[in-house]
Structure formats: C-alpha cells, structure tokens
C-alpha cells in the first residue's frame, strides 16, 4: 500500500486478519514470518490509535430530572475517565 494513501480502520483490520492467518501457517519461512509479524504490529498500533480517536469523539446525552439534556464525554467503564465522571 502506498504511503500517500492512508489505510482506513477497516482495511487495516482486514489486513491484520490476513496476517494472523498467514502466521498460523507453519509453512512460512522464518524471514517472511518476521516481516509480516512486524507489519501486523504496525497495523495493530494503527487500529488502536484509530479506536482511541473515535472513542474520544463519542459523547453521551444525559437527561436530568428537570428535563434538560447535557452532553458528557463517553467514558468506558473501568477507565480513568469513567471514574472522573462518576465522582
């Protein structure tokens, strides 16, 4: 894939799945296994970064007893952000 076109999350995840399948094939030479393993690590980091970016954009709408609605950042349960929202 050329450097000028950034992969989408879906493309990266699909390629990562292909890499896992290839690595499960014991017939690959060691050098090729290491090469695609390194690519897989880069793709996994890319996917993680994309998920973190998406998570930071999500907001929850909270309806208060008086009927007003407030937008609050979405926080995954167990994360530091969730603990801050709860307190």
Protein backbone atom coordinates (compact mmCIF):
# COMPACT_ATOMS: atom_id res chain seq x y z
CA UNK A 1 0.00 0.00 0.00
CA UNK A 2 1.45 3.41 -0.93
CA UNK A 3 2.34 5.87 1.77
CA UNK A 4 0.25 8.56 0.06
CA UNK A 5 -2.99 6.72 0.82
CA UNK A 6 -3.65 6.07 4.49
CA UNK A 7 -5.49 2.86 5.24
CA UNK A 8 -8.95 3.00 6.71
CA UNK A 9 -9.54 1.23 10.01
CA UNK A 10 -11.47 -1.49 8.18
CA UNK A 11 -8.70 -2.03 5.62
CA UNK A 12 -6.07 -2.23 8.34
CA UNK A 13 -8.14 -4.68 10.39
CA UNK A 14 -8.77 -6.85 7.34
CA UNK A 15 -5.04 -6.93 6.54
CA UNK A 16 -4.27 -7.74 10.18
CA UNK A 17 -6.65 -10.71 9.98
CA UNK A 18 -4.85 -11.90 6.82
CA UNK A 19 -1.52 -11.65 8.62
CA UNK A 20 -2.79 -13.73 11.55
CA UNK A 21 -3.95 -16.40 9.12
CA UNK A 22 -0.57 -16.39 7.36
CA UNK A 23 1.33 -16.61 10.64
CA UNK A 24 -0.75 -19.60 11.67
CA UNK A 25 0.57 -21.36 8.54
CA UNK A 26 3.74 -23.07 9.74
CA UNK A 27 4.97 -23.43 6.14
CA UNK A 28 6.13 -19.79 6.02
CA UNK A 29 9.89 -19.22 6.13
CA UNK A 30 11.14 -17.52 9.29
CA UNK A 31 12.23 -14.34 7.48
CA UNK A 32 8.79 -13.92 5.89
CA UNK A 33 7.08 -14.64 9.23
CA UNK A 34 9.12 -11.91 10.92
CA UNK A 35 8.41 -9.48 8.10
CA UNK A 36 4.64 -9.89 8.27
CA UNK A 37 4.71 -10.01 12.08
CA UNK A 38 6.30 -6.54 12.07
CA UNK A 39 3.64 -5.34 9.63
CA UNK A 40 0.99 -6.77 11.94
CA UNK A 41 2.40 -4.90 14.93
CA UNK A 42 2.28 -1.63 12.97
CA UNK A 43 -1.30 -2.34 11.89
CA UNK A 44 -2.36 -3.24 15.44
CA UNK A 45 -0.94 0.07 16.71
CA UNK A 46 -2.69 1.93 13.88
CA UNK A 47 -6.03 0.27 14.71
CA UNK A 48 -5.60 1.02 18.42
CA UNK A 49 -4.89 4.68 17.65
CA UNK A 50 -7.96 4.91 15.39
CA UNK A 51 -10.17 3.35 18.08
CA UNK A 52 -8.83 5.77 20.70
CA UNK A 53 -9.53 8.71 18.37
CA UNK A 54 -13.09 7.51 17.78
CA UNK A 55 -13.67 6.94 21.49
CA UNK A 56 -12.58 10.49 22.28
CA UNK A 57 -15.23 11.86 19.89
CA UNK A 58 -18.17 9.96 21.36
CA UNK A 59 -20.44 11.82 23.74
CA UNK A 60 -23.35 10.64 25.88
CA UNK A 61 -26.53 12.66 26.20
CA UNK A 62 -27.65 12.78 29.82
CA UNK A 63 -31.25 13.77 30.63
CA UNK A 64 -31.60 15.44 34.02
CA UNK A 65 -34.75 15.16 36.21
CA UNK A 66 -35.72 18.73 35.25
CA UNK A 67 -35.79 17.69 31.57
CA UNK A 68 -32.60 19.43 30.49
CA UNK A 69 -30.17 17.49 28.33
CA UNK A 70 -26.41 17.66 28.76
CA UNK A 71 -23.64 16.21 26.59
CA UNK A 72 -20.85 14.49 28.52
CA UNK A 73 -17.76 12.72 27.18
CA UNK A 74 -18.24 8.99 26.82
CA UNK A 75 -16.09 7.01 29.23
CA UNK A 76 -15.51 3.28 29.09
CA UNK A 77 -16.35 1.54 32.38
CA UNK A 78 -13.25 0.98 34.46
CA UNK A 79 -11.28 3.71 32.71
CA UNK A 80 -9.91 6.78 34.46
CA UNK A 81 -12.40 8.95 32.55
CA UNK A 82 -15.32 6.89 33.85
CA UNK A 83 -14.11 7.30 37.42
CA UNK A 84 -13.84 11.09 36.95
CA UNK A 85 -17.40 11.33 35.54
CA UNK A 86 -18.81 9.24 38.41
CA UNK A 87 -17.25 11.42 41.11
